[in-house]
N, C-alpha and C. Protein backbone atom coordinates (compact mmCIF):
# COMPACT_ATOMS: atom_id res chain seq x y z
N SER A 1 -21.23 -30.65 28.81
CA SER A 1 -21.21 -29.40 27.93
C SER A 1 -20.34 -29.75 26.82
N GLU A 2 -20.55 -28.95 25.73
CA GLU A 2 -19.92 -29.03 24.56
C GLU A 2 -18.47 -28.35 24.59
N PRO A 3 -17.38 -28.95 24.11
CA PRO A 3 -16.09 -28.19 24.14
C PRO A 3 -16.16 -26.99 23.31
N GLU A 4 -15.30 -26.04 23.73
CA GLU A 4 -15.28 -24.72 23.01
C GLU A 4 -14.41 -24.88 21.73
N ARG A 5 -15.04 -24.40 20.64
CA ARG A 5 -14.54 -24.47 19.38
C ARG A 5 -13.56 -23.26 19.06
N VAL A 6 -12.30 -23.52 18.60
CA VAL A 6 -11.38 -22.52 18.26
C VAL A 6 -11.44 -22.38 16.74
N PRO A 7 -11.61 -21.22 16.28
CA PRO A 7 -11.55 -20.96 14.82
C PRO A 7 -10.17 -21.36 14.26
N PRO A 8 -9.97 -21.82 13.08
CA PRO A 8 -8.70 -22.17 12.57
C PRO A 8 -7.97 -20.78 12.21
N ASP A 9 -6.60 -20.92 12.31
CA ASP A 9 -5.72 -19.81 12.07
C ASP A 9 -5.56 -19.63 10.57
N TYR A 10 -4.82 -18.61 10.14
CA TYR A 10 -4.72 -18.36 8.69
C TYR A 10 -3.99 -19.46 7.96
N GLN A 11 -2.94 -19.96 8.68
CA GLN A 11 -2.21 -20.98 7.91
C GLN A 11 -2.96 -22.25 7.74
N ALA A 12 -3.86 -22.65 8.73
CA ALA A 12 -4.71 -23.82 8.59
C ALA A 12 -5.72 -23.62 7.47
N MET A 13 -6.23 -22.37 7.49
CA MET A 13 -7.25 -22.24 6.35
C MET A 13 -6.59 -22.26 4.92
N ARG A 14 -5.43 -21.65 4.80
CA ARG A 14 -4.77 -21.65 3.58
C ARG A 14 -4.36 -23.10 3.12
N ALA A 15 -3.91 -23.94 4.11
CA ALA A 15 -3.52 -25.34 3.78
C ALA A 15 -4.76 -26.11 3.18
N ASN A 16 -5.92 -25.73 3.56
CA ASN A 16 -7.08 -26.54 3.12
C ASN A 16 -7.61 -25.99 1.70
N LEU A 17 -6.94 -25.02 1.14
CA LEU A 17 -7.38 -24.54 -0.12
C LEU A 17 -6.86 -25.53 -1.32
N SER A 18 -7.61 -25.39 -2.46
CA SER A 18 -7.14 -26.19 -3.63
C SER A 18 -6.05 -25.44 -4.24
N PRO A 19 -5.28 -26.02 -5.26
CA PRO A 19 -4.24 -25.25 -5.93
C PRO A 19 -4.79 -23.91 -6.67
N LEU A 20 -6.00 -24.03 -7.29
CA LEU A 20 -6.48 -22.72 -7.77
C LEU A 20 -6.86 -21.76 -6.73
N GLY A 21 -7.43 -22.28 -5.56
CA GLY A 21 -7.78 -21.27 -4.52
C GLY A 21 -6.46 -20.72 -3.89
N LYS A 22 -5.31 -21.43 -3.87
CA LYS A 22 -4.10 -20.83 -3.43
C LYS A 22 -3.64 -19.72 -4.41
N VAL A 23 -3.71 -20.06 -5.63
CA VAL A 23 -3.39 -18.89 -6.71
C VAL A 23 -4.20 -17.69 -6.49
N ILE A 24 -5.50 -17.91 -6.32
CA ILE A 24 -6.47 -16.77 -6.22
C ILE A 24 -6.10 -15.99 -4.92
N ALA A 25 -6.02 -16.77 -3.79
CA ALA A 25 -5.67 -16.03 -2.58
C ALA A 25 -4.37 -15.29 -2.57
N GLY A 26 -3.28 -15.96 -3.25
CA GLY A 26 -2.09 -15.22 -3.30
C GLY A 26 -2.14 -14.02 -4.10
N SER A 27 -2.87 -14.13 -5.30
CA SER A 27 -3.01 -12.86 -6.08
C SER A 27 -3.77 -11.78 -5.38
N CYS A 28 -4.81 -12.15 -4.67
CA CYS A 28 -5.52 -11.13 -3.92
C CYS A 28 -4.62 -10.45 -2.88
N GLU A 29 -3.78 -11.39 -2.25
CA GLU A 29 -2.85 -10.79 -1.23
C GLU A 29 -1.80 -9.86 -1.75
N VAL A 30 -1.28 -10.17 -2.93
CA VAL A 30 -0.44 -9.21 -3.57
C VAL A 30 -1.05 -7.98 -4.07
N GLY A 31 -2.19 -8.06 -4.60
CA GLY A 31 -2.90 -6.93 -5.11
C GLY A 31 -3.29 -6.03 -3.95
N VAL A 32 -3.74 -6.47 -2.92
CA VAL A 32 -4.25 -5.60 -1.79
C VAL A 32 -2.98 -5.00 -1.12
N THR A 33 -1.85 -5.82 -0.93
CA THR A 33 -0.61 -5.20 -0.27
C THR A 33 -0.12 -4.09 -1.25
N THR A 34 -0.10 -4.44 -2.55
CA THR A 34 0.49 -3.32 -3.42
C THR A 34 -0.40 -2.13 -3.42
N GLY A 35 -1.62 -2.30 -3.52
CA GLY A 35 -2.55 -1.08 -3.48
C GLY A 35 -2.50 -0.26 -2.32
N MET A 36 -2.50 -0.96 -1.09
CA MET A 36 -2.37 -0.19 0.09
C MET A 36 -1.11 0.48 0.33
N SER A 37 0.06 -0.10 -0.15
CA SER A 37 1.31 0.46 -0.02
C SER A 37 1.37 1.66 -0.98
N TYR A 38 0.90 1.57 -2.22
CA TYR A 38 0.74 2.76 -3.06
C TYR A 38 -0.06 3.95 -2.40
N ALA A 39 -1.08 3.60 -1.85
CA ALA A 39 -1.94 4.70 -1.19
C ALA A 39 -1.12 5.28 0.02
N SER A 40 -0.50 4.49 0.83
CA SER A 40 0.19 5.06 2.05
C SER A 40 1.53 5.82 1.65
N SER A 41 2.23 5.18 0.70
CA SER A 41 3.52 5.84 0.33
C SER A 41 3.13 7.18 -0.48
N GLY A 42 2.07 7.07 -1.27
CA GLY A 42 1.61 8.36 -1.97
C GLY A 42 1.20 9.40 -1.00
N MET A 43 0.50 9.15 0.00
CA MET A 43 0.15 10.16 1.06
C MET A 43 1.38 10.71 1.73
N LEU A 44 2.37 9.80 2.05
CA LEU A 44 3.59 10.28 2.67
C LEU A 44 4.25 11.19 1.74
N GLY A 45 4.40 10.88 0.43
CA GLY A 45 5.11 11.71 -0.48
C GLY A 45 4.38 13.10 -0.72
N TYR A 46 3.00 12.94 -0.79
CA TYR A 46 2.24 14.26 -0.92
C TYR A 46 2.48 15.21 0.28
N PHE A 47 2.16 14.75 1.42
CA PHE A 47 2.33 15.58 2.61
C PHE A 47 3.65 16.02 2.90
N GLY A 48 4.61 15.06 2.66
CA GLY A 48 6.02 15.41 2.89
C GLY A 48 6.55 16.49 1.96
N MET A 49 6.16 16.40 0.75
CA MET A 49 6.69 17.46 -0.19
C MET A 49 5.94 18.77 0.07
N GLY A 50 4.52 18.60 0.45
CA GLY A 50 3.86 19.80 0.72
C GLY A 50 4.35 20.62 1.86
N VAL A 51 4.79 20.00 2.90
CA VAL A 51 5.50 20.62 4.05
C VAL A 51 6.77 21.14 3.74
N TRP A 52 7.55 20.37 2.95
CA TRP A 52 8.86 20.70 2.56
C TRP A 52 8.84 22.04 1.66
N GLN A 53 7.83 22.18 0.79
CA GLN A 53 7.78 23.32 -0.08
C GLN A 53 6.99 24.54 0.46
N LEU A 54 6.62 24.48 1.81
CA LEU A 54 5.96 25.58 2.36
C LEU A 54 6.82 26.90 2.40
N LYS A 55 8.19 26.62 2.47
CA LYS A 55 9.09 27.75 2.40
C LYS A 55 9.04 28.54 1.13
N SER A 56 8.51 27.90 0.07
CA SER A 56 8.46 28.54 -1.23
C SER A 56 7.12 29.02 -1.59
N ILE A 57 6.24 29.26 -0.60
CA ILE A 57 4.92 29.62 -0.82
C ILE A 57 4.84 30.94 -1.60
N GLY A 58 5.74 31.85 -1.24
CA GLY A 58 5.72 33.20 -1.94
C GLY A 58 6.01 33.17 -3.33
N GLU A 59 6.97 32.29 -3.81
CA GLU A 59 7.20 32.26 -5.26
C GLU A 59 6.42 31.20 -6.03
N LEU A 60 5.95 30.15 -5.39
CA LEU A 60 5.16 29.07 -5.97
C LEU A 60 3.68 29.26 -5.88
N GLY A 61 3.21 29.80 -4.81
CA GLY A 61 1.77 29.79 -4.50
C GLY A 61 1.25 28.49 -4.14
N MET A 62 0.01 28.43 -3.71
CA MET A 62 -0.56 27.09 -3.27
C MET A 62 -0.77 26.09 -4.40
N LYS A 63 -1.01 26.63 -5.62
CA LYS A 63 -1.27 25.72 -6.76
C LYS A 63 0.12 25.14 -7.07
N GLY A 64 1.17 25.84 -7.07
CA GLY A 64 2.51 25.35 -7.36
C GLY A 64 2.92 24.32 -6.35
N ILE A 65 2.66 24.52 -5.07
CA ILE A 65 3.02 23.63 -4.11
C ILE A 65 2.22 22.28 -4.21
N HIS A 66 0.88 22.45 -4.60
CA HIS A 66 0.08 21.29 -4.81
C HIS A 66 0.50 20.52 -6.01
N ALA A 67 0.96 21.08 -7.01
CA ALA A 67 1.38 20.41 -8.18
C ALA A 67 2.68 19.61 -7.91
N LYS A 68 3.69 20.22 -7.18
CA LYS A 68 4.76 19.55 -6.88
C LYS A 68 4.51 18.37 -5.90
N ALA A 69 3.57 18.62 -4.89
CA ALA A 69 3.22 17.54 -3.97
C ALA A 69 2.59 16.33 -4.68
N VAL A 70 1.69 16.63 -5.74
CA VAL A 70 1.06 15.52 -6.34
C VAL A 70 2.11 14.70 -7.16
N THR A 71 2.96 15.35 -7.87
CA THR A 71 4.17 14.63 -8.48
C THR A 71 4.93 13.80 -7.68
N SER A 72 5.31 14.38 -6.46
CA SER A 72 6.00 13.64 -5.53
C SER A 72 5.25 12.44 -4.96
N GLY A 73 3.85 12.69 -4.66
CA GLY A 73 3.07 11.62 -4.16
C GLY A 73 3.02 10.44 -5.08
N LYS A 74 2.87 10.74 -6.36
CA LYS A 74 2.86 9.60 -7.31
C LYS A 74 4.15 8.86 -7.34
N SER A 75 5.31 9.51 -7.37
CA SER A 75 6.52 8.98 -7.32
C SER A 75 6.83 8.02 -6.19
N TRP A 76 6.54 8.64 -5.03
CA TRP A 76 6.66 7.89 -3.79
C TRP A 76 5.66 6.64 -3.75
N GLY A 77 4.39 6.89 -4.17
CA GLY A 77 3.53 5.77 -4.20
C GLY A 77 3.95 4.61 -5.17
N GLU A 78 4.45 4.92 -6.31
CA GLU A 78 4.91 3.91 -7.19
C GLU A 78 6.14 3.16 -6.63
N LEU A 79 7.05 3.94 -5.99
CA LEU A 79 8.20 3.26 -5.47
C LEU A 79 7.91 2.33 -4.31
N GLY A 80 6.97 2.79 -3.43
CA GLY A 80 6.45 1.98 -2.27
C GLY A 80 5.70 0.66 -2.75
N ALA A 81 4.92 0.92 -3.87
CA ALA A 81 4.13 -0.18 -4.38
C ALA A 81 5.09 -1.28 -4.98
N TYR A 82 6.16 -0.78 -5.69
CA TYR A 82 7.13 -1.64 -6.36
C TYR A 82 7.64 -2.60 -5.19
N PHE A 83 8.28 -1.99 -4.17
CA PHE A 83 8.87 -2.69 -3.20
C PHE A 83 7.97 -3.70 -2.49
N SER A 84 6.82 -3.19 -2.05
CA SER A 84 5.90 -3.99 -1.29
C SER A 84 5.33 -5.07 -2.10
N GLY A 85 4.99 -4.80 -3.32
CA GLY A 85 4.41 -5.85 -4.22
C GLY A 85 5.45 -6.99 -4.56
N PHE A 86 6.66 -6.55 -4.74
CA PHE A 86 7.66 -7.55 -5.04
C PHE A 86 8.01 -8.39 -3.78
N GLY A 87 8.04 -7.72 -2.63
CA GLY A 87 8.31 -8.44 -1.33
C GLY A 87 7.23 -9.39 -0.99
N CYS A 88 5.98 -9.04 -1.29
CA CYS A 88 4.92 -9.90 -0.99
C CYS A 88 4.85 -11.05 -1.95
N ALA A 89 5.18 -10.90 -3.26
CA ALA A 89 5.16 -11.90 -4.27
C ALA A 89 6.25 -12.91 -4.00
N ALA A 90 7.40 -12.34 -3.47
CA ALA A 90 8.52 -13.26 -3.36
C ALA A 90 8.47 -14.11 -2.28
């Protein structure tokens, strides 16, 4: 019977890439990591600020809470993306 083939792991596949392939793979890795971090940190900022501002629903209304939550989500998303992108690139 034929021996069972084990697929190569991530490090083995990356070691077989050409220099250009390594640059492309590294760029994709940084881009995906940064994008996903922006999305997850942004959602955390949006929902966190939305819950935090619920106490002000009488004076702000839902539109005011949404506006503050969007601003907070963008700020948190950028901060998370900066740190994750730099950490992945380094």
